[in-house]
Protein backbone atom coordinates (compact mmCIF):
# COMPACT_ATOMS: atom_id res chain seq x y z
CA MET A 1 6.26 -26.10 -32.48
CA THR A 2 5.54 -24.98 -28.91
CA LYS A 3 5.80 -21.24 -28.23
CA ILE A 4 5.90 -19.94 -24.66
CA ILE A 5 5.21 -16.27 -23.93
CA ASP A 6 6.35 -14.91 -20.58
CA LEU A 7 3.64 -12.83 -18.90
CA SER A 8 5.55 -11.97 -15.72
CA GLN A 9 7.36 -8.90 -14.43
CA GLU A 10 10.91 -9.07 -13.11
CA ILE A 11 11.28 -8.92 -9.34
CA TYR A 12 13.95 -6.46 -8.21
CA GLU A 13 14.72 -4.02 -5.43
CA GLY A 14 12.98 -0.70 -5.95
CA MET A 15 10.24 -2.04 -8.21
CA PRO A 16 6.76 -0.51 -7.89
CA VAL A 17 4.50 -2.12 -5.29
CA TYR A 18 0.90 -1.38 -4.41
CA LYS A 19 0.33 1.36 -1.80
CA ASP A 20 1.66 0.27 1.62
CA LEU A 21 2.72 -3.27 0.66
CA PRO A 22 6.29 -4.32 1.56
CA GLN A 23 9.05 -2.86 -0.57
CA VAL A 24 11.29 -5.42 -2.25
CA LYS A 25 14.71 -5.76 -0.59
CA MET A 26 17.42 -7.88 -2.18
CA SER A 27 20.93 -8.48 -0.88
CA VAL A 28 23.77 -11.01 -1.16
CA HIS A 29 23.35 -13.44 1.75
CA ASN A 30 26.19 -15.79 0.77
CA SER A 31 28.92 -15.24 -1.78
CA HIS A 32 31.15 -17.74 -3.57
CA GLU A 33 34.15 -15.89 -2.17
CA GLU A 34 32.85 -16.46 1.38
CA TRP A 35 32.32 -20.15 0.67
CA ASP A 36 35.83 -20.39 -0.79
CA GLY A 37 37.35 -18.74 2.31
CA ILE A 38 38.60 -15.64 0.47
CA LYS A 39 39.19 -12.79 2.93
CA ASN A 40 38.30 -9.19 1.96
CA PRO A 41 37.42 -9.96 -1.68
CA THR A 42 37.32 -7.05 -4.13
CA LYS A 43 34.08 -8.46 -5.51
CA LYS A 44 31.31 -10.61 -4.05
CA THR A 45 29.79 -13.09 -6.49
CA PRO A 46 26.26 -14.02 -5.36
CA ALA A 47 25.75 -17.64 -4.32
CA VAL A 48 22.51 -16.97 -2.37
CA HIS A 49 20.38 -13.84 -2.35
CA LYS A 50 18.23 -12.76 0.57
CA LEU A 51 14.81 -11.54 -0.55
CA VAL A 52 12.29 -9.56 1.48
CA LEU A 53 8.95 -9.09 -0.31
CA GLY A 54 5.22 -9.36 0.13
CA GLU A 55 3.06 -12.13 -1.28
CA HIS A 56 1.46 -9.60 -3.63
CA THR A 57 4.68 -8.53 -5.36
CA GLY A 58 5.02 -8.18 -9.12
CA THR A 59 3.00 -10.60 -11.22
CA HIS A 60 1.00 -12.48 -8.62
CA VAL A 61 -2.25 -14.29 -7.93
CA ASP A 62 -4.62 -13.59 -5.05
CA ALA A 63 -5.84 -16.32 -2.72
CA ILE A 64 -9.52 -16.44 -1.77
CA ASN A 65 -8.66 -15.50 1.84
CA HIS A 66 -7.32 -12.17 0.53
CA MET A 67 -10.74 -11.16 -0.74
CA ALA A 68 -12.45 -10.59 2.63
CA LYS A 69 -12.33 -11.65 6.29
CA ILE A 70 -15.15 -14.17 5.84
CA TYR A 71 -12.90 -16.30 3.59
CA GLU A 72 -10.33 -16.91 6.32
CA GLY A 73 -8.71 -20.31 5.86
CA GLN A 74 -9.07 -20.41 2.07
CA SER A 75 -5.36 -19.78 1.57
CA ILE A 76 -3.21 -20.14 -1.52
CA ASP A 77 -1.86 -23.55 -0.47
CA LYS A 78 -5.41 -24.92 -0.26
CA MET A 79 -6.61 -23.73 -3.66
CA PRO A 80 -6.74 -26.48 -6.33
CA LEU A 81 -3.85 -26.43 -8.80
CA SER A 82 -6.40 -26.73 -11.59
CA MET A 83 -7.24 -23.04 -11.02
CA PHE A 84 -3.74 -22.09 -12.14
CA TYR A 85 -3.44 -24.45 -15.13
CA THR A 86 -6.24 -23.65 -17.55
CA GLU A 87 -7.18 -22.70 -21.06
CA GLY A 88 -6.97 -18.98 -21.67
CA ILE A 89 -7.99 -16.12 -23.92
CA CYS A 90 -6.88 -12.49 -24.06
CA LEU A 91 -9.30 -9.64 -24.74
CA ASP A 92 -8.24 -6.38 -26.42
CA LEU A 93 -9.30 -3.44 -24.24
CA SER A 94 -6.39 -1.22 -25.23
CA TYR A 95 -8.71 1.70 -26.02
CA LYS A 96 -9.45 2.13 -22.31
CA THR A 97 -7.84 5.20 -20.73
CA LEU A 98 -6.56 6.05 -17.24
CA LYS A 99 -9.02 5.20 -14.45
CA GLU A 100 -11.67 4.17 -16.97
CA LEU A 101 -14.05 1.38 -16.03
CA ILE A 102 -14.22 -1.79 -18.12
CA GLU A 103 -17.90 -2.68 -18.50
CA VAL A 104 -19.73 -5.86 -19.52
CA GLU A 105 -20.32 -4.42 -23.00
CA ASP A 106 -16.57 -3.93 -23.43
CA LEU A 107 -15.89 -7.57 -22.60
CA ILE A 108 -18.57 -8.81 -25.01
CA LYS A 109 -17.32 -6.51 -27.78
CA ALA A 110 -13.75 -7.74 -27.27
CA CYS A 111 -14.89 -11.37 -27.49
CA ASN A 112 -16.79 -10.68 -30.69
CA LEU A 113 -13.85 -8.78 -32.23
CA HIS A 114 -11.68 -11.91 -32.40
CA LYS A 115 -14.48 -14.50 -32.30
CA LEU A 116 -13.57 -15.68 -28.80
CA THR A 117 -15.83 -17.53 -26.38
CA ILE A 118 -15.39 -17.50 -22.62
CA LYS A 119 -15.61 -21.09 -21.41
CA LYS A 120 -16.04 -22.49 -17.92
CA ASN A 121 -12.71 -22.67 -16.01
CA ASP A 122 -10.95 -20.31 -18.44
CA THR A 123 -8.42 -17.67 -17.45
CA VAL A 124 -9.43 -14.42 -19.15
CA LEU A 125 -6.61 -11.89 -19.60
CA LEU A 126 -7.46 -8.22 -20.13
CA TYR A 127 -5.06 -6.29 -22.36
CA THR A 128 -5.17 -2.51 -21.76
CA ASN A 129 -1.60 -1.59 -22.83
CA HIS A 130 -1.19 0.10 -19.44
CA TYR A 131 2.08 -1.69 -18.67
CA ARG A 132 3.88 -0.57 -21.82
CA GLN A 133 2.57 2.98 -21.54
CA TYR A 134 2.86 3.72 -17.84
CA PHE A 135 4.95 1.20 -15.89
CA ASN A 136 7.06 2.93 -13.23
CA THR A 137 5.64 6.37 -14.06
CA GLN A 138 3.44 8.70 -12.00
CA PHE A 139 0.40 7.19 -13.75
CA TRP A 140 1.21 3.55 -13.00
CA SER A 141 -1.40 3.30 -10.24
CA ASP A 142 -4.08 4.99 -12.38
CA GLY A 143 -4.91 2.20 -14.79
CA PRO A 144 -8.33 1.16 -16.06
CA GLY A 145 -10.17 -1.52 -14.10
CA LEU A 146 -13.24 -3.71 -14.02
CA SER A 147 -16.57 -2.33 -12.93
CA VAL A 148 -18.53 -4.23 -10.31
CA LYS A 149 -20.99 -5.48 -12.94
CA ALA A 150 -18.19 -6.64 -15.25
CA ALA A 151 -16.46 -8.57 -12.46
CA ARG A 152 -19.71 -10.29 -11.53
CA TRP A 153 -20.42 -11.08 -15.19
CA LEU A 154 -17.00 -12.74 -15.55
CA GLY A 155 -17.57 -14.76 -12.40
CA GLU A 156 -20.97 -15.88 -13.66
CA GLN A 157 -19.29 -17.36 -16.74
CA GLY A 158 -17.62 -19.85 -14.39
CA ILE A 159 -14.05 -18.76 -15.08
CA ALA A 160 -11.12 -19.84 -12.91
CA ALA A 161 -9.50 -16.42 -13.01
CA PHE A 162 -8.89 -13.23 -14.92
CA GLY A 163 -5.67 -11.28 -15.23
CA VAL A 164 -4.78 -7.60 -15.60
CA GLU A 165 -1.66 -5.56 -16.38
CA THR A 166 -2.46 -3.09 -13.64
CA MET A 167 -1.73 -3.06 -9.90
CA SER A 168 -5.37 -3.75 -9.04
CA PRO A 169 -8.26 -5.52 -10.80
CA GLY A 170 -10.70 -2.68 -10.19
CA ILE A 171 -10.22 1.04 -9.81
CA PRO A 172 -9.22 1.97 -6.24
CA LYS A 173 -11.97 3.78 -4.32
CA VAL A 174 -14.37 3.12 -7.22
CA SER A 175 -14.69 -0.65 -7.75
CA ASN A 176 -11.55 -2.39 -6.52
CA LYS A 177 -12.77 -3.53 -3.09
CA GLU A 178 -16.05 -4.75 -4.55
CA VAL A 179 -14.26 -6.66 -7.35
CA HIS A 180 -12.22 -8.50 -4.71
CA HIS A 181 -15.38 -9.33 -2.75
CA ILE A 182 -17.08 -10.70 -5.87
CA CYS A 183 -14.10 -12.97 -6.54
CA GLY A 184 -14.44 -14.39 -3.04
CA GLU A 185 -18.22 -14.73 -3.29
CA LEU A 186 -18.15 -16.57 -6.62
CA GLY A 187 -14.96 -18.56 -5.95
CA PHE A 188 -12.66 -17.31 -8.68
CA THR A 189 -9.46 -15.27 -8.52
CA HIS A 190 -7.29 -12.85 -10.46
CA TYR A 191 -3.71 -12.09 -11.45
CA GLU A 192 -2.21 -8.61 -11.32
CA ASN A 193 0.84 -6.91 -12.88
CA MET A 194 0.95 -9.01 -16.04
CA ILE A 195 3.08 -8.11 -19.08
CA ASN A 196 3.30 -9.00 -22.78
CA LEU A 197 -0.46 -9.32 -23.18
CA HIS A 198 -0.20 -7.53 -26.53
CA LYS A 199 1.56 -10.65 -27.84
CA LEU A 200 -1.61 -12.68 -27.25
CA ILE A 201 -4.08 -10.49 -29.14
CA GLY A 202 -5.55 -12.16 -32.21
CA LYS A 203 -3.81 -15.47 -31.45
CA GLY A 204 -6.85 -17.35 -30.19
CA ARG A 205 -6.87 -19.79 -27.30
CA PHE A 206 -3.78 -20.91 -25.40
CA ARG A 207 -2.72 -22.89 -22.35
CA PHE A 208 -2.34 -20.58 -19.35
CA ILE A 209 -0.04 -21.52 -16.48
CA GLY A 210 0.36 -19.36 -13.37
CA LEU A 211 1.37 -21.67 -10.53
CA PRO A 212 1.81 -20.02 -7.11
CA LEU A 213 4.31 -20.86 -4.39
CA LYS A 214 2.93 -23.24 -1.77
CA ILE A 215 2.87 -20.70 1.07
CA ARG A 216 1.21 -22.08 4.18
CA GLY A 217 -1.74 -19.83 4.97
CA GLY A 218 -0.71 -17.48 2.13
CA THR A 219 -3.00 -14.71 0.93
CA GLY A 220 -1.41 -14.83 -2.54
CA SER A 221 1.85 -15.55 -4.28
CA PRO A 222 4.17 -14.27 -6.98
CA VAL A 223 3.87 -16.44 -10.11
CA ARG A 224 5.79 -17.06 -13.33
CA ALA A 225 2.77 -16.76 -15.58
CA VAL A 226 3.05 -17.99 -19.16
CA ALA A 227 0.88 -18.54 -22.23
CA VAL A 228 1.67 -21.69 -24.21
CA PHE A 229 0.77 -22.07 -27.85
CA GLU A 230 1.12 -25.58 -29.31
């Protein structure tokens, strides 16, 4: 029997966003009462919402052109769909603390713990338990993140992408900018703000799906990421 695990945050007004990225705004653009010609209704039932949000809102994937200026033109709409429909594994790094770097040795140890192998074109999800512990708290932006060496090591395995629960793949002002640059250099990407990764630990391989919106020239896109177990 197929089991689908949702790995995506809700999108709502007032949700946490990274640094100076656009705040989410949500309002009723059209109501059923308006369409039915009801004047001065006591309640407006949404028929169409208006959304204002950035491409990098909630659970999202980065396009290659987001990684650095030299990758201009490699936008989300031009990336092959095969990058977002892959096999996947999830590594248990839940012992990592706030602002602690995830090193190559940590990734290898996590693979060995559950007898997992990183294959070419995989999506590798990194479970740190940061979402369940710190989402929407003062520590939300202080999660663990990949070191420069660990990001390069993942890219050298030929993966399609990796995914994190945190707002950034590296630690800001320590490794985050460099991690982005390595993704661009080696032609892989990453997902941020993932949830429910604890439900994947010890379950082995799965089908990962994280299809982006087809935004012309987009630097990324919100996704409805899921893990599928057959």
